[in-house]
């Protein structure tokens, strides 16, 4: 378990309901307790970097407010099991439950697929 305010890795797993093409986006909305813009807490060369690793991801990560957006590198079938790890997120400053996360998928042309 991560300590309050420390660097953490999150393992994410979900199953798609509908297919998602290559170049589609997986958007994860974090609880307001997470501050995704405040990831710089050490003097390491990777300070401030958030990255995602998984077979279906391109490696591209972007942040908007409390949402993290990942780009798919392969077509995902209906009922595909998607698993990846997000590294570099700073844990909330207070201990305890972190609240809920929302995962949604969006096509490369911006249509919402799974919400």
Foldseek 3Di string as FASTA:
>chain_A
DDDAFAWDKDKDKDWAQAKAAAFKKKKKAFFPLFFLQPLADDPDPCGSDKWKDFPQFPTDWDDDGRMIMTGGHGIAHRGRMGIMMITRTTHGNDDDDRDDMDIWIAYNVGHTRGD
